[in-house]
Amino acid sequence: MLSSGSAFAHPAQIEGVDLRPNGDSYRVSVTISHPETGWEDYADGWRVEAPDGTVLGTRVLAHPHETEQPFTRSLSGVVIPDGLTEIVIRARTLTTGWDSEPVTIPLP
């Protein structure tokens, strides 16, 4: 017998990242694709991390985007500590958690 749920869930895919300086912080825009099925399984966030895993910012996605794929959302005010040469972007889904393939972005 087959059941619905995480057995058939897929992690979100990060398709692109745009990083723009904005004063003392950055505006980070992330494009994500995910085969969303509605409220049961959707990409519900992404975050910016330092290479050591320290979370620098989190963008919560409050609803499914099943008719808008891929989709881009931004987060402003991300402060990146001096000395970092790159950041890591990781996406999350409701069913798989922070299970996406991380993407490393060099700082400008």
Protein backbone atom coordinates (compact mmCIF):
# COMPACT_ATOMS: atom_id res chain seq x y z
CA MET A 1 0.00 0.00 0.00
CA LEU A 2 1.26 3.46 -0.87
CA SER A 3 0.75 6.50 1.28
CA SER A 4 1.04 10.19 0.65
CA GLY A 5 3.48 12.42 2.45
CA SER A 6 7.22 12.62 2.73
CA ALA A 7 7.86 9.31 0.93
CA PHE A 8 7.14 11.16 -2.31
CA ALA A 9 8.38 14.60 -1.27
CA HIS A 10 11.18 16.37 -3.11
CA PRO A 11 13.59 18.98 -1.77
CA ALA A 12 13.39 22.47 -3.24
CA GLN A 13 15.94 23.38 -5.92
CA ILE A 14 17.77 26.70 -5.77
CA GLU A 15 17.82 27.95 -9.36
CA GLY A 16 19.54 31.29 -8.84
CA VAL A 17 20.77 33.83 -6.31
CA ASP A 18 21.20 37.59 -6.70
CA LEU A 19 23.22 39.38 -4.01
CA ARG A 20 23.19 43.19 -3.91
CA PRO A 21 24.92 45.49 -1.42
CA ASN A 22 22.47 47.86 0.29
CA GLY A 23 24.34 50.17 2.66
CA ASP A 24 25.79 48.11 5.51
CA SER A 25 23.76 45.05 4.55
CA TYR A 26 22.73 43.03 1.50
CA ARG A 27 19.53 42.32 -0.37
CA VAL A 28 19.44 38.62 -1.26
CA SER A 29 17.03 37.34 -3.92
CA VAL A 30 16.64 33.59 -4.35
CA THR A 31 14.88 31.75 -7.18
CA ILE A 32 13.46 28.37 -6.17
CA SER A 33 11.68 25.58 -8.02
CA HIS A 34 9.72 22.83 -6.32
CA PRO A 35 6.92 20.50 -7.52
CA GLU A 36 4.39 21.92 -5.07
CA THR A 37 1.11 20.18 -4.37
CA GLY A 38 -0.52 22.90 -2.32
CA TRP A 39 -0.63 23.32 1.43
CA GLU A 40 0.53 19.72 2.02
CA ASP A 41 3.95 20.13 0.35
CA TYR A 42 5.54 23.43 -0.60
CA ALA A 43 8.79 25.37 -0.28
CA ASP A 44 8.25 27.29 2.94
CA GLY A 45 11.53 29.17 3.31
CA TRP A 46 15.16 29.75 2.53
CA ARG A 47 18.08 31.05 4.54
CA VAL A 48 21.48 32.67 4.24
CA GLU A 49 24.26 30.98 6.18
CA ALA A 50 27.93 31.61 6.85
CA PRO A 51 30.15 28.71 5.71
CA ASP A 52 30.26 27.46 9.32
CA GLY A 53 26.44 27.13 9.38
CA THR A 54 25.68 30.32 11.31
CA VAL A 55 22.29 31.59 10.08
CA LEU A 56 22.55 35.19 8.84
CA GLY A 57 18.96 35.59 7.65
CA THR A 58 15.81 33.58 6.98
CA ARG A 59 13.03 34.26 4.47
CA VAL A 60 9.76 32.58 5.43
CA LEU A 61 7.44 31.68 2.54
CA ALA A 62 3.91 31.74 3.87
CA HIS A 63 2.00 29.96 1.10
CA PRO A 64 2.39 27.51 -1.81
CA HIS A 65 3.52 28.71 -5.25
CA GLU A 66 2.23 25.80 -7.33
CA THR A 67 1.17 28.06 -10.23
CA GLU A 68 4.32 30.23 -10.10
CA GLN A 69 7.36 28.07 -10.85
CA PRO A 70 10.14 28.87 -10.50
CA PHE A 71 9.61 31.84 -8.19
CA THR A 72 11.89 34.51 -6.70
CA ARG A 73 11.65 36.12 -3.28
CA SER A 74 13.98 38.61 -1.59
CA LEU A 75 15.26 39.35 1.88
CA SER A 76 16.74 42.76 2.73
CA GLY A 77 18.90 43.74 5.66
CA VAL A 78 21.14 40.67 5.66
CA VAL A 79 24.31 41.61 7.56
CA ILE A 80 27.32 39.59 6.47
CA PRO A 81 30.21 39.63 8.95
CA ASP A 82 33.55 41.06 7.89
CA GLY A 83 36.02 38.45 6.77
CA LEU A 84 33.58 36.16 4.98
CA THR A 85 34.34 35.52 1.32
CA GLU A 86 31.21 33.49 0.57
CA ILE A 87 27.75 32.66 1.85
CA VAL A 88 25.59 29.55 1.60
CA ILE A 89 21.92 29.51 0.56
CA ARG A 90 19.72 26.64 1.68
CA ALA A 91 16.00 26.11 0.91
CA ARG A 92 13.38 24.38 3.03
CA THR A 93 10.15 22.54 2.27
CA LEU A 94 7.30 21.71 4.58
CA THR A 95 7.87 17.97 4.18
CA THR A 96 11.66 17.59 3.78
CA GLY A 97 12.93 20.42 5.98
CA TRP A 98 16.34 21.99 5.21
CA ASP A 99 17.15 19.12 2.85
CA SER A 100 17.90 21.07 -0.33
CA GLU A 101 21.30 21.04 -2.00
CA PRO A 102 23.06 24.12 -0.60
CA VAL A 103 24.42 26.72 -3.01
CA THR A 104 27.63 28.59 -2.20
CA ILE A 105 27.85 32.18 -3.46
CA PRO A 106 31.11 34.19 -3.51
CA LEU A 107 30.75 37.70 -2.10
CA PRO A 108 31.22 40.61 -4.50
